[in-house]
Amino acid sequence: MQSNSRSDVTGPTRHDRERSVRDALGRIRGAAAGGVNRTMLEAVLSELKSLAASREWWSEEWYPAPQEPERQARYLISEDSDRRFALYLNVMRPGKRIPPHNHTTWACIAAVDGAELNQIYRRVDDGSEEGRAVLEEDRAIVVEPGMGIALMPDDIHSVMIQGTQVIRHLHLYGRALETLTERIVFDPSTRTYAKMGIGVATRR
């Protein structure tokens, strides 16, 4: 496992964070050993919310917000040598929107600071026409401190950062984002989809 820790992060807080991340990921690997299902994801999300609750570990001092006009900074916190169990901190400014997309791996998100609106969708077409997809809105979930969301590989969600506060949320994926070359992004208005890029470059 590789971890991202800045050289100017000193004192017991840094070591507490690194130890807690390492221990949590060990428990998460154990939970994932039985296969991916909703029960497993709830166990993973519980661990992630515990990490997010230590807000001082994910501060502006260590992980600065993106400079205007950028809306998002993504920091790699930890990644296994085989590029599984990849943990990131996303720092996003109000106005950031990520359109509906899947992940092709499981994903869990837990809030450190601020709220993001997640819209969950159902795909209702039969998938027989390349590049075409029909989505229906299912439900909305607000991810804010103490809350999170767990997503199966084929789940579809969009993200919107509203209000005035910069948000800091932990994202954990079954595989590193840089390996997810088959993700697709949807346009509900035109009922189409396309391959999804990685977006902003990950800061390491």
N, C-alpha and C. Protein backbone atom coordinates (compact mmCIF):
# COMPACT_ATOMS: atom_id res chain seq x y z
N MET A 1 0.84 -1.19 0.00
CA MET A 1 0.00 0.00 0.00
C MET A 1 0.87 1.23 0.00
N GLN A 2 0.58 2.20 -0.85
CA GLN A 2 1.27 3.46 -0.87
C GLN A 2 0.36 4.50 -0.24
N SER A 3 0.93 5.43 0.48
CA SER A 3 0.13 6.49 1.09
C SER A 3 0.67 7.84 0.70
N ASN A 4 -0.24 8.82 0.64
CA ASN A 4 0.12 10.18 0.30
C ASN A 4 0.18 10.98 1.58
N SER A 5 1.36 11.43 1.98
CA SER A 5 1.47 12.27 3.16
C SER A 5 2.48 13.35 2.89
N ARG A 6 2.10 14.60 3.10
CA ARG A 6 2.99 15.72 2.81
C ARG A 6 4.09 15.79 3.84
N SER A 7 5.26 16.24 3.39
CA SER A 7 6.42 16.29 4.27
C SER A 7 6.26 17.30 5.39
N ASP A 8 5.35 18.29 5.22
CA ASP A 8 5.18 19.30 6.26
C ASP A 8 4.11 18.91 7.26
N VAL A 9 3.57 17.69 7.14
CA VAL A 9 2.60 17.20 8.10
C VAL A 9 3.38 16.49 9.20
N THR A 10 3.40 17.06 10.38
CA THR A 10 4.23 16.52 11.44
C THR A 10 3.39 16.21 12.66
N GLY A 11 4.01 15.53 13.64
CA GLY A 11 3.36 15.30 14.92
C GLY A 11 2.49 14.07 14.91
N PRO A 12 1.84 13.81 16.05
CA PRO A 12 1.06 12.58 16.20
C PRO A 12 -0.13 12.49 15.26
N THR A 13 -0.67 13.63 14.82
CA THR A 13 -1.85 13.59 13.94
C THR A 13 -1.54 12.85 12.65
N ARG A 14 -0.38 13.13 12.08
CA ARG A 14 0.00 12.44 10.84
C ARG A 14 0.09 10.93 11.06
N HIS A 15 0.71 10.52 12.12
CA HIS A 15 0.88 9.09 12.37
C HIS A 15 -0.45 8.43 12.73
N ASP A 16 -1.29 9.15 13.45
CA ASP A 16 -2.62 8.63 13.77
C ASP A 16 -3.42 8.41 12.49
N ARG A 17 -3.33 9.38 11.59
CA ARG A 17 -4.07 9.26 10.34
C ARG A 17 -3.58 8.08 9.52
N GLU A 18 -2.28 7.98 9.35
CA GLU A 18 -1.73 6.90 8.52
C GLU A 18 -2.06 5.53 9.13
N ARG A 19 -1.96 5.43 10.44
CA ARG A 19 -2.30 4.17 11.09
C ARG A 19 -3.78 3.84 10.94
N SER A 20 -4.63 4.86 11.12
CA SER A 20 -6.07 4.63 11.01
C SER A 20 -6.48 4.24 9.59
N VAL A 21 -5.87 4.90 8.60
CA VAL A 21 -6.16 4.55 7.21
C VAL A 21 -5.71 3.12 6.94
N ARG A 22 -4.52 2.77 7.38
CA ARG A 22 -4.00 1.42 7.16
C ARG A 22 -4.90 0.37 7.84
N ASP A 23 -5.29 0.63 9.07
CA ASP A 23 -6.12 -0.34 9.79
C ASP A 23 -7.51 -0.46 9.16
N ALA A 24 -8.09 0.67 8.76
CA ALA A 24 -9.42 0.64 8.14
C ALA A 24 -9.39 -0.13 6.82
N LEU A 25 -8.35 0.10 6.02
CA LEU A 25 -8.26 -0.60 4.75
C LEU A 25 -8.04 -2.09 4.95
N GLY A 26 -7.35 -2.46 6.02
CA GLY A 26 -7.21 -3.88 6.33
C GLY A 26 -8.56 -4.53 6.61
N ARG A 27 -9.38 -3.84 7.39
CA ARG A 27 -10.72 -4.37 7.67
C ARG A 27 -11.59 -4.38 6.41
N ILE A 28 -11.42 -3.37 5.57
CA ILE A 28 -12.20 -3.29 4.33
C ILE A 28 -11.82 -4.44 3.39
N ARG A 29 -10.54 -4.75 3.27
CA ARG A 29 -10.13 -5.89 2.45
C ARG A 29 -10.76 -7.18 2.95
N GLY A 30 -10.82 -7.32 4.26
CA GLY A 30 -11.46 -8.51 4.83
C GLY A 30 -12.94 -8.57 4.49
N ALA A 31 -13.63 -7.43 4.58
CA ALA A 31 -15.05 -7.39 4.24
C ALA A 31 -15.29 -7.71 2.78
N ALA A 32 -14.35 -7.26 1.90
CA ALA A 32 -14.51 -7.45 0.46
C ALA A 32 -14.15 -8.86 0.01
N ALA A 33 -13.51 -9.63 0.88
CA ALA A 33 -13.05 -10.97 0.48
C ALA A 33 -14.20 -11.89 0.12
N GLY A 34 -15.37 -11.64 0.67
CA GLY A 34 -16.53 -12.48 0.38
C GLY A 34 -17.30 -12.09 -0.85
N GLY A 35 -16.85 -11.07 -1.57
CA GLY A 35 -17.54 -10.64 -2.78
C GLY A 35 -18.27 -9.33 -2.57
N VAL A 36 -18.62 -8.69 -3.68
CA VAL A 36 -19.25 -7.37 -3.65
C VAL A 36 -20.76 -7.53 -3.57
N ASN A 37 -21.35 -6.97 -2.54
CA ASN A 37 -22.80 -6.92 -2.39
C ASN A 37 -23.15 -5.74 -1.51
N ARG A 38 -24.42 -5.47 -1.33
CA ARG A 38 -24.84 -4.29 -0.57
C ARG A 38 -24.40 -4.37 0.89
N THR A 39 -24.44 -5.54 1.46
CA THR A 39 -24.03 -5.70 2.85
C THR A 39 -22.55 -5.36 3.01
N MET A 40 -21.73 -5.87 2.09
CA MET A 40 -20.30 -5.57 2.13
C MET A 40 -20.07 -4.07 2.00
N LEU A 41 -20.81 -3.41 1.10
CA LEU A 41 -20.62 -1.99 0.90
C LEU A 41 -21.00 -1.18 2.13
N GLU A 42 -22.01 -1.61 2.86
CA GLU A 42 -22.38 -0.90 4.08
C GLU A 42 -21.27 -1.00 5.11
N ALA A 43 -20.60 -2.14 5.18
CA ALA A 43 -19.46 -2.29 6.09
C ALA A 43 -18.32 -1.38 5.67
N VAL A 44 -18.05 -1.31 4.37
CA VAL A 44 -17.00 -0.43 3.86
C VAL A 44 -17.35 1.02 4.16
N LEU A 45 -18.59 1.41 3.91
CA LEU A 45 -19.00 2.79 4.14
C LEU A 45 -18.87 3.17 5.61
N SER A 46 -19.18 2.26 6.51
CA SER A 46 -19.04 2.53 7.93
C SER A 46 -17.59 2.86 8.29
N GLU A 47 -16.65 2.11 7.73
CA GLU A 47 -15.23 2.38 7.96
C GLU A 47 -14.84 3.75 7.40
N LEU A 48 -15.35 4.07 6.21
CA LEU A 48 -15.00 5.33 5.56
C LEU A 48 -15.57 6.51 6.35
N LYS A 49 -16.77 6.39 6.86
CA LYS A 49 -17.35 7.46 7.65
C LYS A 49 -16.55 7.70 8.93
N SER A 50 -16.01 6.64 9.50
CA SER A 50 -15.17 6.80 10.69
C SER A 50 -13.90 7.60 10.36
N LEU A 51 -13.30 7.32 9.21
CA LEU A 51 -12.13 8.10 8.80
C LEU A 51 -12.50 9.56 8.54
N ALA A 52 -13.64 9.78 7.91
CA ALA A 52 -14.06 11.14 7.58
C ALA A 52 -14.37 11.96 8.84
N ALA A 53 -14.74 11.29 9.91
CA ALA A 53 -15.11 12.00 11.14
C ALA A 53 -13.93 12.72 11.77
N SER A 54 -12.71 12.30 11.46
CA SER A 54 -11.51 12.99 11.97
C SER A 54 -11.17 14.12 11.00
N ARG A 55 -11.92 15.20 11.12
CA ARG A 55 -11.85 16.28 10.14
C ARG A 55 -10.47 16.92 10.05
N GLU A 56 -9.74 16.93 11.19
CA GLU A 56 -8.44 17.59 11.20
C GLU A 56 -7.43 16.90 10.29
N TRP A 57 -7.69 15.66 9.91
CA TRP A 57 -6.77 14.94 9.03
C TRP A 57 -6.87 15.39 7.57
N TRP A 58 -7.95 16.09 7.23
CA TRP A 58 -8.24 16.37 5.82
C TRP A 58 -8.38 17.88 5.57
N SER A 59 -7.60 18.67 6.28
CA SER A 59 -7.78 20.12 6.33
C SER A 59 -7.22 20.83 5.10
N GLU A 60 -7.59 22.09 4.99
CA GLU A 60 -7.10 22.96 3.92
C GLU A 60 -5.58 23.08 3.97
N GLU A 61 -5.01 23.07 5.16
CA GLU A 61 -3.56 23.19 5.30
C GLU A 61 -2.84 22.06 4.58
N TRP A 62 -3.40 20.86 4.64
CA TRP A 62 -2.76 19.71 4.02
C TRP A 62 -3.22 19.48 2.60
N TYR A 63 -4.50 19.76 2.35
CA TYR A 63 -5.09 19.48 1.04
C TYR A 63 -5.84 20.73 0.56
N PRO A 64 -5.13 21.67 -0.06
CA PRO A 64 -5.75 22.95 -0.43
C PRO A 64 -6.88 22.79 -1.45
N ALA A 65 -7.84 23.67 -1.33
CA ALA A 65 -8.91 23.74 -2.33
C ALA A 65 -8.35 24.21 -3.66
N PRO A 66 -8.98 23.83 -4.76
CA PRO A 66 -8.50 24.30 -6.07
C PRO A 66 -8.65 25.81 -6.21
N GLN A 67 -7.72 26.39 -6.94
CA GLN A 67 -7.79 27.83 -7.18
C GLN A 67 -8.80 28.13 -8.28
N GLU A 68 -9.50 29.25 -8.12
CA GLU A 68 -10.43 29.67 -9.17
C GLU A 68 -9.68 29.80 -10.50
N PRO A 69 -10.29 29.44 -11.63
CA PRO A 69 -11.67 29.00 -11.78
C PRO A 69 -11.87 27.48 -11.64
N GLU A 70 -10.85 26.75 -11.20
CA GLU A 70 -10.99 25.31 -11.06
C GLU A 70 -12.03 24.99 -9.99
N ARG A 71 -12.74 23.88 -10.20
CA ARG A 71 -13.81 23.49 -9.29
C ARG A 71 -13.45 22.28 -8.44
N GLN A 72 -12.41 21.53 -8.82
CA GLN A 72 -12.15 20.26 -8.14
C GLN A 72 -10.66 19.99 -8.02
N ALA A 73 -10.25 19.48 -6.85
CA ALA A 73 -8.92 18.92 -6.65
C ALA A 73 -9.11 17.53 -6.06
N ARG A 74 -8.41 16.56 -6.63
CA ARG A 74 -8.50 15.18 -6.14
C ARG A 74 -7.12 14.75 -5.65
N TYR A 75 -7.05 14.30 -4.40
CA TYR A 75 -5.80 13.88 -3.79
C TYR A 75 -5.81 12.37 -3.55
N LEU A 76 -4.74 11.70 -3.96
CA LEU A 76 -4.61 10.29 -3.64
C LEU A 76 -4.12 10.14 -2.21
N ILE A 77 -4.86 9.39 -1.42
CA ILE A 77 -4.48 9.13 -0.03
C ILE A 77 -3.80 7.77 0.09
N SER A 78 -4.33 6.76 -0.58
CA SER A 78 -3.75 5.42 -0.49
C SER A 78 -4.21 4.59 -1.68
N GLU A 79 -3.33 3.68 -2.09
CA GLU A 79 -3.64 2.80 -3.22
C GLU A 79 -2.79 1.54 -3.08
N ASP A 80 -3.40 0.37 -3.19
CA ASP A 80 -2.64 -0.87 -3.11
C ASP A 80 -1.71 -1.00 -4.33
N SER A 81 -0.70 -1.83 -4.19
CA SER A 81 0.27 -2.00 -5.28
C SER A 81 -0.37 -2.57 -6.54
N ASP A 82 -1.48 -3.31 -6.39
CA ASP A 82 -2.19 -3.83 -7.56
C ASP A 82 -3.28 -2.88 -8.04
N ARG A 83 -3.28 -1.65 -7.46
CA ARG A 83 -4.19 -0.57 -7.84
C ARG A 83 -5.63 -0.83 -7.42
N ARG A 84 -5.79 -1.67 -6.40
CA ARG A 84 -7.11 -1.86 -5.80
C ARG A 84 -7.22 -1.01 -4.54
N PHE A 85 -8.43 -0.90 -4.03
CA PHE A 85 -8.70 -0.19 -2.78
C PHE A 85 -8.03 1.19 -2.78
N ALA A 86 -8.44 2.00 -3.72
CA ALA A 86 -7.86 3.33 -3.91
C ALA A 86 -8.70 4.37 -3.17
N LEU A 87 -8.04 5.09 -2.26
CA LEU A 87 -8.70 6.09 -1.43
C LEU A 87 -8.26 7.48 -1.86
N TYR A 88 -9.23 8.37 -2.08
CA TYR A 88 -8.98 9.74 -2.50
C TYR A 88 -9.71 10.71 -1.59
N LEU A 89 -9.20 11.94 -1.54
CA LEU A 89 -9.94 13.05 -0.97
C LEU A 89 -10.31 13.98 -2.10
N ASN A 90 -11.60 14.23 -2.27
CA ASN A 90 -12.07 15.19 -3.26
C ASN A 90 -12.38 16.51 -2.56
N VAL A 91 -11.80 17.58 -3.07
CA VAL A 91 -12.07 18.93 -2.57
C VAL A 91 -12.70 19.69 -3.72
N MET A 92 -13.98 20.09 -3.55
CA MET A 92 -14.71 20.68 -4.68
C MET A 92 -15.40 21.97 -4.25
N ARG A 93 -15.39 22.93 -5.17
CA ARG A 93 -16.03 24.22 -4.95
C ARG A 93 -17.49 24.19 -5.39
N PRO A 94 -18.31 25.07 -4.82
CA PRO A 94 -19.70 25.18 -5.27
C PRO A 94 -19.77 25.42 -6.76
N GLY A 95 -20.77 24.83 -7.37
CA GLY A 95 -20.94 24.93 -8.81
C GLY A 95 -20.40 23.74 -9.57
N LYS A 96 -19.58 22.91 -8.90
CA LYS A 96 -19.06 21.71 -9.55
C LYS A 96 -20.21 20.74 -9.80
N ARG A 97 -20.29 20.25 -11.01
CA ARG A 97 -21.32 19.27 -11.38
C ARG A 97 -20.67 18.13 -12.14
N ILE A 98 -20.98 16.92 -11.74
CA ILE A 98 -20.55 15.73 -12.45
C ILE A 98 -21.79 15.04 -12.98
N PRO A 99 -21.94 14.90 -14.29
CA PRO A 99 -23.18 14.35 -14.86
C PRO A 99 -23.34 12.88 -14.52
N PRO A 100 -24.51 12.30 -14.79
CA PRO A 100 -24.76 10.90 -14.45
C PRO A 100 -23.71 9.97 -15.06
N HIS A 101 -23.22 9.04 -14.24
CA HIS A 101 -22.17 8.12 -14.69
C HIS A 101 -22.17 6.87 -13.82
N ASN A 102 -21.54 5.82 -14.31
CA ASN A 102 -21.30 4.64 -13.49
C ASN A 102 -19.82 4.60 -13.13
N HIS A 103 -19.39 3.53 -12.43
CA HIS A 103 -17.99 3.43 -12.03
C HIS A 103 -17.30 2.16 -12.54
N THR A 104 -18.07 1.13 -12.82
CA THR A 104 -17.58 -0.20 -13.22
C THR A 104 -16.80 -0.89 -12.11
N THR A 105 -16.78 -0.31 -10.93
CA THR A 105 -16.28 -0.93 -9.71
C THR A 105 -17.11 -0.37 -8.57
N TRP A 106 -17.04 -0.99 -7.40
CA TRP A 106 -17.79 -0.45 -6.28
C TRP A 106 -17.16 0.85 -5.80
N ALA A 107 -17.98 1.68 -5.19
CA ALA A 107 -17.51 2.98 -4.72
C ALA A 107 -18.27 3.37 -3.46
N CYS A 108 -17.56 4.00 -2.53
CA CYS A 108 -18.18 4.55 -1.33
C CYS A 108 -17.68 5.98 -1.14
N ILE A 109 -18.57 6.85 -0.68
CA ILE A 109 -18.25 8.26 -0.46
C ILE A 109 -18.73 8.64 0.93
N ALA A 110 -17.88 9.33 1.68
CA ALA A 110 -18.24 9.81 3.01
C ALA A 110 -17.79 11.26 3.15
N ALA A 111 -18.62 12.08 3.78
CA ALA A 111 -18.35 13.51 3.86
C ALA A 111 -17.48 13.85 5.06
N VAL A 112 -16.50 14.70 4.81
CA VAL A 112 -15.72 15.33 5.87
C VAL A 112 -16.34 16.67 6.21
N ASP A 113 -16.45 17.54 5.21
CA ASP A 113 -17.07 18.86 5.35
C ASP A 113 -17.93 19.13 4.13
N GLY A 114 -19.04 19.83 4.34
CA GLY A 114 -19.87 20.26 3.24
C GLY A 114 -20.78 19.17 2.72
N ALA A 115 -21.70 19.58 1.86
CA ALA A 115 -22.73 18.67 1.35
C ALA A 115 -22.69 18.62 -0.18
N GLU A 116 -22.90 17.42 -0.70
CA GLU A 116 -23.08 17.26 -2.14
C GLU A 116 -24.38 16.52 -2.39
N LEU A 117 -25.07 16.96 -3.43
CA LEU A 117 -26.33 16.33 -3.81
C LEU A 117 -26.04 15.23 -4.81
N ASN A 118 -26.39 14.01 -4.46
CA ASN A 118 -26.27 12.86 -5.36
C ASN A 118 -27.66 12.48 -5.87
N GLN A 119 -27.83 12.48 -7.17
CA GLN A 119 -29.07 12.00 -7.77
C GLN A 119 -28.82 10.59 -8.30
N ILE A 120 -29.63 9.65 -7.86
CA ILE A 120 -29.51 8.26 -8.29
C ILE A 120 -30.49 8.01 -9.42
N TYR A 121 -30.04 7.28 -10.44
CA TYR A 121 -30.84 7.01 -11.62
C TYR A 121 -31.02 5.51 -11.83
N ARG A 122 -32.10 5.17 -12.52
CA ARG A 122 -32.31 3.82 -13.04
C ARG A 122 -32.19 3.88 -14.56
N ARG A 123 -31.53 2.90 -15.13
CA ARG A 123 -31.51 2.78 -16.59
C ARG A 123 -32.67 1.88 -17.01
N VAL A 124 -33.53 2.38 -17.88
CA VAL A 124 -34.77 1.66 -18.19
C VAL A 124 -34.84 1.14 -19.62
N ASP A 125 -33.83 1.44 -20.46
CA ASP A 125 -33.82 0.85 -21.80
C ASP A 125 -33.19 -0.53 -21.72
N ASP A 126 -33.24 -1.27 -22.82
CA ASP A 126 -32.74 -2.65 -22.81
C ASP A 126 -31.26 -2.75 -23.17
N GLY A 127 -30.61 -1.61 -23.46
CA GLY A 127 -29.19 -1.63 -23.76
C GLY A 127 -28.84 -2.15 -25.13
N SER A 128 -29.82 -2.31 -25.99
CA SER A 128 -29.55 -2.94 -27.29
C SER A 128 -28.99 -1.97 -28.33
N GLU A 129 -29.13 -0.67 -28.10
CA GLU A 129 -28.66 0.31 -29.08
C GLU A 129 -27.40 1.00 -28.57
N GLU A 130 -26.30 0.82 -29.27
CA GLU A 130 -25.03 1.40 -28.87
C GLU A 130 -25.13 2.92 -28.78
N GLY A 131 -24.67 3.48 -27.67
CA GLY A 131 -24.65 4.92 -27.49
C GLY A 131 -25.95 5.52 -27.02
N ARG A 132 -26.96 4.69 -26.82
CA ARG A 132 -28.27 5.18 -26.41
C ARG A 132 -28.63 4.60 -25.04
N ALA A 133 -29.17 5.44 -24.18
CA ALA A 133 -29.61 5.00 -22.86
C ALA A 133 -30.73 5.91 -22.37
N VAL A 134 -31.70 5.32 -21.72
CA VAL A 134 -32.82 6.07 -21.15
C VAL A 134 -32.75 5.93 -19.63
N LEU A 135 -32.65 7.07 -18.96
CA LEU A 135 -32.56 7.08 -17.51
C LEU A 135 -33.83 7.66 -16.89
N GLU A 136 -34.15 7.15 -15.71
CA GLU A 136 -35.21 7.73 -14.89
C GLU A 136 -34.61 8.08 -13.53
N GLU A 137 -34.99 9.22 -13.01
CA GLU A 137 -34.54 9.59 -11.67
C GLU A 137 -35.18 8.67 -10.65
N ASP A 138 -34.36 8.21 -9.71
CA ASP A 138 -34.84 7.30 -8.68
C ASP A 138 -35.01 8.02 -7.35
N ARG A 139 -33.90 8.53 -6.81
CA ARG A 139 -33.95 9.22 -5.53
C ARG A 139 -32.75 10.13 -5.40
N ALA A 140 -32.84 11.06 -4.47
CA ALA A 140 -31.74 11.97 -4.19
C ALA A 140 -31.18 11.68 -2.81
N ILE A 141 -29.86 11.73 -2.69
CA ILE A 141 -29.18 11.51 -1.42
C ILE A 141 -28.22 12.67 -1.20
N VAL A 142 -28.34 13.33 -0.05
CA VAL A 142 -27.41 14.40 0.30
C VAL A 142 -26.31 13.79 1.16
N VAL A 143 -25.09 13.86 0.66
CA VAL A 143 -23.93 13.36 1.40
C VAL A 143 -23.32 14.54 2.15
N GLU A 144 -23.44 14.49 3.48
CA GLU A 144 -22.95 15.54 4.35
C GLU A 144 -22.32 14.89 5.57
N PRO A 145 -21.64 15.65 6.45
CA PRO A 145 -20.96 15.02 7.57
C PRO A 145 -21.83 14.04 8.35
N GLY A 146 -21.26 12.86 8.58
CA GLY A 146 -22.00 11.78 9.24
C GLY A 146 -22.77 10.90 8.28
N MET A 147 -22.80 11.29 7.01
CA MET A 147 -23.55 10.56 5.99
C MET A 147 -22.62 10.12 4.87
N GLY A 148 -23.11 9.18 4.07
CA GLY A 148 -22.33 8.72 2.92
C GLY A 148 -23.23 8.01 1.94
N ILE A 149 -22.61 7.47 0.91
CA ILE A 149 -23.34 6.73 -0.11
C ILE A 149 -22.46 5.57 -0.57
N ALA A 150 -23.09 4.43 -0.83
CA ALA A 150 -22.40 3.24 -1.31
C ALA A 150 -22.99 2.84 -2.65
N LEU A 151 -22.13 2.59 -3.63
CA LEU A 151 -22.56 2.35 -5.00
C LEU A 151 -21.98 1.04 -5.53
N MET A 152 -22.85 0.23 -6.12
CA MET A 152 -22.42 -0.96 -6.83
C MET A 152 -21.82 -0.56 -8.18
N PRO A 153 -21.08 -1.46 -8.84
CA PRO A 153 -20.40 -1.09 -10.09
C PRO A 153 -21.32 -0.52 -11.16
N ASP A 154 -22.56 -0.98 -11.25
CA ASP A 154 -23.46 -0.52 -12.31
C ASP A 154 -24.40 0.59 -11.85
N ASP A 155 -24.34 0.99 -10.60
CA ASP A 155 -25.18 2.10 -10.14
C ASP A 155 -24.81 3.37 -10.89
N ILE A 156 -25.78 4.23 -11.09
CA ILE A 156 -25.61 5.48 -11.83
C ILE A 156 -25.97 6.64 -10.92
N HIS A 157 -25.07 7.62 -10.82
CA HIS A 157 -25.38 8.80 -10.01
C HIS A 157 -24.75 10.04 -10.64
N SER A 158 -25.31 11.18 -10.27
CA SER A 158 -24.73 12.47 -10.62
C SER A 158 -24.43 13.21 -9.33
N VAL A 159 -23.57 14.23 -9.44
CA VAL A 159 -23.14 14.98 -8.26
C VAL A 159 -23.27 16.47 -8.56
N MET A 160 -23.79 17.21 -7.58
CA MET A 160 -23.88 18.67 -7.70
C MET A 160 -23.48 19.29 -6.37
N ILE A 161 -22.55 20.25 -6.41
CA ILE A 161 -22.14 20.97 -5.22
C ILE A 161 -22.88 22.30 -5.21
N GLN A 162 -23.77 22.44 -4.25
CA GLN A 162 -24.59 23.65 -4.15
C GLN A 162 -24.09 24.52 -3.00
N GLY A 163 -24.78 25.63 -2.75
CA GLY A 163 -24.45 26.48 -1.62
C GLY A 163 -23.19 27.27 -1.84
N THR A 164 -22.48 27.57 -0.74
CA THR A 164 -21.30 28.43 -0.80
C THR A 164 -20.05 27.79 -0.20
N GLN A 165 -20.16 26.58 0.32
CA GLN A 165 -19.05 25.96 1.05
C GLN A 165 -18.25 25.01 0.17
N VAL A 166 -16.93 25.10 0.27
CA VAL A 166 -16.05 24.10 -0.33
C VAL A 166 -16.26 22.78 0.42
N ILE A 167 -16.39 21.69 -0.31
CA ILE A 167 -16.62 20.41 0.33
C ILE A 167 -15.35 19.56 0.31
N ARG A 168 -15.25 18.66 1.30
CA ARG A 168 -14.17 17.68 1.39
C ARG A 168 -14.80 16.34 1.68
N HIS A 169 -14.67 15.43 0.72
CA HIS A 169 -15.27 14.11 0.85
C HIS A 169 -14.25 13.03 0.51
N LEU A 170 -14.27 11.96 1.27
CA LEU A 170 -13.44 10.79 0.98
C LEU A 170 -14.16 9.88 0.00
N HIS A 171 -13.41 9.41 -1.00
CA HIS A 171 -13.94 8.47 -2.00
C HIS A 171 -13.05 7.22 -1.99
N LEU A 172 -13.67 6.08 -1.85
CA LEU A 172 -12.94 4.81 -1.89
C LEU A 172 -13.50 3.96 -3.02
N TYR A 173 -12.61 3.45 -3.88
CA TYR A 173 -13.01 2.65 -5.04
C TYR A 173 -12.36 1.27 -4.98
N GLY A 174 -13.05 0.30 -5.55
CA GLY A 174 -12.48 -1.04 -5.63
C GLY A 174 -11.25 -1.10 -6.49
N ARG A 175 -11.15 -0.20 -7.45
CA ARG A 175 -9.95 -0.07 -8.29
C ARG A 175 -9.65 1.41 -8.50
N ALA A 176 -8.40 1.72 -8.73
CA ALA A 176 -8.00 3.11 -8.91
C ALA A 176 -8.74 3.75 -10.08
N LEU A 177 -9.10 5.01 -9.93
CA LEU A 177 -9.82 5.71 -10.99
C LEU A 177 -9.09 5.66 -12.33
N GLU A 178 -7.77 5.75 -12.26
CA GLU A 178 -6.99 5.77 -13.50
C GLU A 178 -7.09 4.47 -14.29
N THR A 179 -7.57 3.40 -13.68
CA THR A 179 -7.73 2.11 -14.36
C THR A 179 -9.13 1.91 -14.93
N LEU A 180 -10.05 2.82 -14.62
CA LEU A 180 -11.46 2.61 -14.97
C LEU A 180 -11.74 3.16 -16.37
N THR A 181 -11.28 2.45 -17.37
CA THR A 181 -11.37 2.93 -18.74
C THR A 181 -12.71 2.65 -19.41
N GLU A 182 -13.58 1.90 -18.74
CA GLU A 182 -14.87 1.55 -19.35
C GLU A 182 -16.04 2.30 -18.73
N ARG A 183 -15.78 3.26 -17.91
CA ARG A 183 -16.88 4.05 -17.34
C ARG A 183 -17.62 4.77 -18.45
N ILE A 184 -18.91 4.99 -18.23
CA ILE A 184 -19.69 5.75 -19.20
C ILE A 184 -20.43 6.88 -18.48
N VAL A 185 -20.60 7.97 -19.23
CA VAL A 185 -21.31 9.14 -18.74
C VAL A 185 -22.55 9.33 -19.60
N PHE A 186 -23.66 9.68 -18.96
CA PHE A 186 -24.96 9.73 -19.62
C PHE A 186 -25.44 11.17 -19.77
N ASP A 187 -26.18 11.41 -20.84
CA ASP A 187 -26.87 12.68 -21.04
C ASP A 187 -28.37 12.37 -21.09
N PRO A 188 -29.08 12.54 -19.98
CA PRO A 188 -30.50 12.19 -19.97
C PRO A 188 -31.34 13.00 -20.96
N SER A 189 -30.91 14.23 -21.26
CA SER A 189 -31.71 15.08 -22.14
C SER A 189 -31.71 14.57 -23.57
N THR A 190 -30.58 13.96 -24.01
CA THR A 190 -30.50 13.44 -25.38
C THR A 190 -30.61 11.91 -25.43
N ARG A 191 -30.68 11.30 -24.23
CA ARG A 191 -30.77 9.84 -24.11
C ARG A 191 -29.58 9.15 -24.78
N THR A 192 -28.40 9.69 -24.52
CA THR A 192 -27.18 9.13 -25.09
C THR A 192 -26.16 8.89 -23.97
N TYR A 193 -25.10 8.15 -24.32
CA TYR A 193 -23.99 7.97 -23.40
C TYR A 193 -22.69 7.87 -24.19
N ALA A 194 -21.57 8.05 -23.48
CA ALA A 194 -20.26 7.99 -24.11
C ALA A 194 -19.26 7.55 -23.05
N LYS A 195 -18.05 7.19 -23.50
CA LYS A 195 -16.99 6.87 -22.56
C LYS A 195 -16.68 8.09 -21.68
N MET A 196 -16.35 7.83 -20.43
CA MET A 196 -16.08 8.90 -19.48
C MET A 196 -14.59 9.00 -19.21
N GLY A 197 -14.06 10.19 -19.29
CA GLY A 197 -12.67 10.42 -18.95
C GLY A 197 -12.48 10.52 -17.45
N ILE A 198 -11.24 10.65 -17.01
CA ILE A 198 -10.96 10.71 -15.59
C ILE A 198 -11.25 12.07 -14.99
N GLY A 199 -11.35 13.11 -15.83
CA GLY A 199 -11.58 14.44 -15.30
C GLY A 199 -10.27 15.08 -14.87
N VAL A 200 -10.26 15.71 -13.70
CA VAL A 200 -9.05 16.37 -13.23
C VAL A 200 -7.97 15.34 -12.93
N ALA A 201 -6.72 15.78 -13.05
CA ALA A 201 -5.61 14.89 -12.73
C ALA A 201 -5.51 14.71 -11.22
N THR A 202 -5.22 13.50 -10.81
CA THR A 202 -5.06 13.20 -9.39
C THR A 202 -3.75 13.80 -8.88
N ARG A 203 -3.80 14.45 -7.74
CA ARG A 203 -2.62 15.01 -7.11
C ARG A 203 -2.04 13.96 -6.16
N ARG A 204 -0.76 13.67 -6.31
CA ARG A 204 -0.11 12.60 -5.55
C ARG A 204 0.97 13.16 -4.63
